[in-house]
C-alpha atoms as a PDB file:
ATOM      1  CA  UNK A   1     -23.053  12.597  19.423  1.00  0.00           C
ATOM      2  CA  UNK A   2     -20.274  10.140  18.594  1.00  0.00           C
ATOM      3  CA  UNK A   3     -20.817  10.524  14.839  1.00  0.00           C
ATOM      4  CA  UNK A   4     -20.083  14.234  15.103  1.00  0.00           C
ATOM      5  CA  UNK A   5     -16.723  13.755  16.818  1.00  0.00           C
ATOM      6  CA  UNK A   6     -13.720  15.473  15.308  1.00  0.00           C
ATOM      7  CA  UNK A   7     -12.128  12.144  14.407  1.00  0.00           C
ATOM      8  CA  UNK A   8     -15.221  10.913  12.575  1.00  0.00           C
ATOM      9  CA  UNK A   9     -15.429  14.186  10.676  1.00  0.00           C
ATOM     10  CA  UNK A  10     -11.767  13.842   9.697  1.00  0.00           C
ATOM     11  CA  UNK A  11     -12.141  10.230   8.558  1.00  0.00           C
ATOM     12  CA  UNK A  12     -15.182  11.151   6.455  1.00  0.00           C
ATOM     13  CA  UNK A  13     -13.717  14.385   5.084  1.00  0.00           C
ATOM     14  CA  UNK A  14     -12.848  14.894   1.443  1.00  0.00           C
ATOM     15  CA  UNK A  15      -9.323  15.814   2.584  1.00  0.00           C
ATOM     16  CA  UNK A  16      -8.670  12.448   4.250  1.00  0.00           C
ATOM     17  CA  UNK A  17     -10.331  10.556   1.392  1.00  0.00           C
ATOM     18  CA  UNK A  18      -7.947  12.309  -1.022  1.00  0.00           C
ATOM     19  CA  UNK A  19      -4.997  11.370   1.195  1.00  0.00           C
ATOM     20  CA  UNK A  20      -6.158   7.750   1.188  1.00  0.00           C
ATOM     21  CA  UNK A  21      -6.395   7.723  -2.617  1.00  0.00           C
ATOM     22  CA  UNK A  22      -2.875   9.107  -2.935  1.00  0.00           C
ATOM     23  CA  UNK A  23      -1.479   6.769  -0.269  1.00  0.00           C
ATOM     24  CA  UNK A  24      -1.679   3.637  -2.423  1.00  0.00           C
ATOM     25  CA  UNK A  25       0.412   5.230  -5.167  1.00  0.00           C
ATOM     26  CA  UNK A  26       2.897   6.533  -2.600  1.00  0.00           C
ATOM     27  CA  UNK A  27       3.245   3.198  -0.797  1.00  0.00           C
ATOM     28  CA  UNK A  28       4.286   1.520  -4.026  1.00  0.00           C
ATOM     29  CA  UNK A  29       6.925   4.124  -4.887  1.00  0.00           C
ATOM     30  CA  UNK A  30      10.086   4.365  -2.787  1.00  0.00           C
ATOM     31  CA  UNK A  31      11.078   7.837  -3.954  1.00  0.00           C
ATOM     32  CA  UNK A  32       7.627   9.224  -3.125  1.00  0.00           C
ATOM     33  CA  UNK A  33       7.790   7.627   0.332  1.00  0.00           C
ATOM     34  CA  UNK A  34      11.212   9.136   0.994  1.00  0.00           C
ATOM     35  CA  UNK A  35       9.973  12.536  -0.184  1.00  0.00           C
ATOM     36  CA  UNK A  36       6.970  12.232   2.147  1.00  0.00           C
ATOM     37  CA  UNK A  37       9.258  11.397   5.080  1.00  0.00           C
ATOM     38  CA  UNK A  38      11.362  14.475   4.252  1.00  0.00           C
ATOM     39  CA  UNK A  39       8.204  16.628   4.220  1.00  0.00           C
ATOM     40  CA  UNK A  40       7.161  15.261   7.625  1.00  0.00           C
ATOM     41  CA  UNK A  41      10.618  16.098   9.032  1.00  0.00           C
ATOM     42  CA  UNK A  42      10.395  19.591   7.557  1.00  0.00           C
ATOM     43  CA  UNK A  43       6.994  20.221   9.152  1.00  0.00           C
ATOM     44  CA  UNK A  44       8.229  18.861  12.493  1.00  0.00           C
ATOM     45  CA  UNK A  45      11.124  21.320  12.455  1.00  0.00           C
ATOM     46  CA  UNK A  46       8.825  24.338  12.198  1.00  0.00           C
ATOM     47  CA  UNK A  47       6.167  26.006  14.299  1.00  0.00           C
ATOM     48  CA  UNK A  48       4.504  24.179  17.170  1.00  0.00           C
ATOM     49  CA  UNK A  49       6.568  21.024  16.808  1.00  0.00           C
ATOM     50  CA  UNK A  50       9.901  22.665  17.424  1.00  0.00           C
ATOM     51  CA  UNK A  51       9.361  22.962  21.177  1.00  0.00           C
ATOM     52  CA  UNK A  52       5.949  21.476  21.926  1.00  0.00           C
ATOM     53  CA  UNK A  53       3.857  18.375  21.358  1.00  0.00           C
ATOM     54  CA  UNK A  54       6.796  16.063  22.062  1.00  0.00           C
ATOM     55  CA  UNK A  55       4.715  12.865  22.363  1.00  0.00           C
ATOM     56  CA  UNK A  56       3.124  13.390  18.968  1.00  0.00           C
ATOM     57  CA  UNK A  57       6.491  14.352  17.525  1.00  0.00           C
ATOM     58  CA  UNK A  58       8.000  11.093  18.812  1.00  0.00           C
ATOM     59  CA  UNK A  59       5.154   9.121  17.202  1.00  0.00           C
ATOM     60  CA  UNK A  60       5.600  10.928  13.892  1.00  0.00           C
ATOM     61  CA  UNK A  61       9.350  10.345  13.931  1.00  0.00           C
ATOM     62  CA  UNK A  62       8.821   6.635  14.583  1.00  0.00           C
ATOM     63  CA  UNK A  63       6.218   6.382  11.813  1.00  0.00           C
ATOM     64  CA  UNK A  64       8.591   8.234   9.486  1.00  0.00           C
ATOM     65  CA  UNK A  65      11.421   5.821  10.270  1.00  0.00           C
ATOM     66  CA  UNK A  66       9.043   2.926   9.626  1.00  0.00           C
ATOM     67  CA  UNK A  67       8.050   4.324   6.226  1.00  0.00           C
ATOM     68  CA  UNK A  68      11.692   5.036   5.381  1.00  0.00           C
ATOM     69  CA  UNK A  69      12.749   1.485   6.295  1.00  0.00           C
ATOM     70  CA  UNK A  70       9.858   0.165   4.203  1.00  0.00           C
ATOM     71  CA  UNK A  71      10.833   2.377   1.249  1.00  0.00           C
ATOM     72  CA  UNK A  72      14.426   1.173   1.396  1.00  0.00           C
ATOM     73  CA  UNK A  73      13.304  -2.458   1.617  1.00  0.00           C
ATOM     74  CA  UNK A  74      14.886  -2.925   5.041  1.00  0.00           C
ATOM     75  CA  UNK A  75      11.591  -3.565   6.823  1.00  0.00           C
ATOM     76  CA  UNK A  76       8.652  -5.240   5.130  1.00  0.00           C
ATOM     77  CA  UNK A  77       7.013  -6.952   8.095  1.00  0.00           C
ATOM     78  CA  UNK A  78       3.959  -4.703   7.860  1.00  0.00           C
ATOM     79  CA  UNK A  79       0.759  -5.329   5.969  1.00  0.00           C
ATOM     80  CA  UNK A  80       0.080  -3.351   2.800  1.00  0.00           C
ATOM     81  CA  UNK A  81      -3.137  -2.055   4.336  1.00  0.00           C
ATOM     82  CA  UNK A  82      -1.289  -0.789   7.409  1.00  0.00           C
ATOM     83  CA  UNK A  83       1.392   0.888   5.317  1.00  0.00           C
ATOM     84  CA  UNK A  84      -1.256   2.619   3.198  1.00  0.00           C
ATOM     85  CA  UNK A  85      -2.986   3.818   6.389  1.00  0.00           C
ATOM     86  CA  UNK A  86       0.262   5.212   7.782  1.00  0.00           C
ATOM     87  CA  UNK A  87       1.059   6.921   4.496  1.00  0.00           C
ATOM     88  CA  UNK A  88      -2.462   8.395   4.267  1.00  0.00           C
ATOM     89  CA  UNK A  89      -2.122   9.915   7.745  1.00  0.00           C
ATOM     90  CA  UNK A  90       1.325  11.322   6.912  1.00  0.00           C
ATOM     91  CA  UNK A  91       0.009  12.808   3.660  1.00  0.00           C
ATOM     92  CA  UNK A  92      -2.853  14.396   5.603  1.00  0.00           C
ATOM     93  CA  UNK A  93      -0.383  15.673   8.213  1.00  0.00           C
ATOM     94  CA  UNK A  94       1.887  17.434   5.700  1.00  0.00           C
ATOM     95  CA  UNK A  95      -1.000  18.909   3.740  1.00  0.00           C
ATOM     96  CA  UNK A  96      -1.575  22.551   4.708  1.00  0.00           C
ATOM     97  CA  UNK A  97      -5.195  22.360   3.561  1.00  0.00           C
ATOM     98  CA  UNK A  98      -7.288  19.864   5.481  1.00  0.00           C
ATOM     99  CA  UNK A  99     -10.371  19.772   7.700  1.00  0.00           C
ATOM    100  CA  UNK A 100      -8.891  22.411  10.025  1.00  0.00           C
ATOM    101  CA  UNK A 101      -6.319  24.408   8.017  1.00  0.00           C
ATOM    102  CA  UNK A 102      -2.883  24.519   9.655  1.00  0.00           C
ATOM    103  CA  UNK A 103      -2.559  28.289   9.395  1.00  0.00           C
ATOM    104  CA  UNK A 104      -5.184  28.714  12.127  1.00  0.00           C
ATOM    105  CA  UNK A 105      -3.316  29.287  15.404  1.00  0.00           C
ATOM    106  CA  UNK A 106      -3.588  26.353  17.846  1.00  0.00           C
ATOM    107  CA  UNK A 107      -6.728  24.919  16.207  1.00  0.00           C
ATOM    108  CA  UNK A 108      -4.894  24.192  12.967  1.00  0.00           C
ATOM    109  CA  UNK A 109      -3.193  21.113  14.357  1.00  0.00           C
ATOM    110  CA  UNK A 110      -6.094  19.583  16.282  1.00  0.00           C
ATOM    111  CA  UNK A 111      -7.265  17.459  13.367  1.00  0.00           C
ATOM    112  CA  UNK A 112      -3.707  16.307  12.622  1.00  0.00           C
ATOM    113  CA  UNK A 113      -3.147  15.380  16.269  1.00  0.00           C
ATOM    114  CA  UNK A 114      -6.449  13.505  16.542  1.00  0.00           C
ATOM    115  CA  UNK A 115      -5.681  11.506  13.408  1.00  0.00           C
ATOM    116  CA  UNK A 116      -2.122  10.663  14.457  1.00  0.00           C
ATOM    117  CA  UNK A 117      -3.200   9.514  17.916  1.00  0.00           C
ATOM    118  CA  UNK A 118      -6.006   7.432  16.374  1.00  0.00           C
ATOM    119  CA  UNK A 119      -3.512   5.749  14.019  1.00  0.00           C
ATOM    120  CA  UNK A 120      -1.025   5.025  16.801  1.00  0.00           C
ATOM    121  CA  UNK A 121      -3.759   3.533  18.970  1.00  0.00           C
ATOM    122  CA  UNK A 122      -5.199   1.370  16.185  1.00  0.00           C
ATOM    123  CA  UNK A 123      -1.844   0.191  14.879  1.00  0.00           C
ATOM    124  CA  UNK A 124      -0.032  -0.193  18.176  1.00  0.00           C
ATOM    125  CA  UNK A 125       0.888  -3.853  17.518  1.00  0.00           C
ATOM    126  CA  UNK A 126       2.488  -3.127  14.131  1.00  0.00           C
ATOM    127  CA  UNK A 127       4.232  -0.027  15.462  1.00  0.00           C
ATOM    128  CA  UNK A 128       5.587  -1.918  18.484  1.00  0.00           C
ATOM    129  CA  UNK A 129       6.792  -4.723  16.192  1.00  0.00           C
ATOM    130  CA  UNK A 130       8.684  -2.182  14.085  1.00  0.00           C
ATOM    131  CA  UNK A 131      10.111  -0.512  17.177  1.00  0.00           C
ATOM    132  CA  UNK A 132      11.449  -3.857  18.410  1.00  0.00           C
ATOM    133  CA  UNK A 133      12.900  -4.621  14.981  1.00  0.00           C
ATOM    134  CA  UNK A 134      14.563  -1.195  14.936  1.00  0.00           C
ATOM    135  CA  UNK A 135      16.111  -1.757  18.386  1.00  0.00           C
ATOM    136  CA  UNK A 136      17.426  -5.155  17.303  1.00  0.00           C
ATOM    137  CA  UNK A 137      18.872  -3.694  14.099  1.00  0.00           C
ATOM    138  CA  UNK A 138      20.729  -1.007  16.040  1.00  0.00           C
ATOM    139  CA  UNK A 139      22.014  -3.585  18.526  1.00  0.00           C
ATOM    140  CA  UNK A 140      23.266  -5.808  15.721  1.00  0.00           C
ATOM    141  CA  UNK A 141      24.968  -2.916  13.879  1.00  0.00           C
ATOM    142  CA  UNK A 142      26.574  -1.543  17.064  1.00  0.00           C
ATOM    143  CA  UNK A 143      27.555  -4.888  18.598  1.00  0.00           C
END
């Protein structure tokens, strides 16, 4: 049944709903966004992400750079709704208590991975736009 898929259970879970509620407050507060980005980097430097899951790690690093650029005011070419969605997924990702708790070996990250891949797929245009902006910024600063 499609309604019983892991992703649908995540999106309907109390854990993701709490992350969504917190995301609006985070998105409007630069210091909270920067703290969230630091927490994502910390989680990526431990456990399974140190040597594995490189594609997901690359996505999370890009999303983190996007949030950081937004927090600093360098990049604002993203809708509020999209930024809140990104922040909600990052809050869910760093939370140790969610639909499938992270302390469970292997299974603990399946919900995080499903949610991240869903976000990247659904926001591919905005993410690509940021990626292009980031490349142009680096080219301008280097050149």
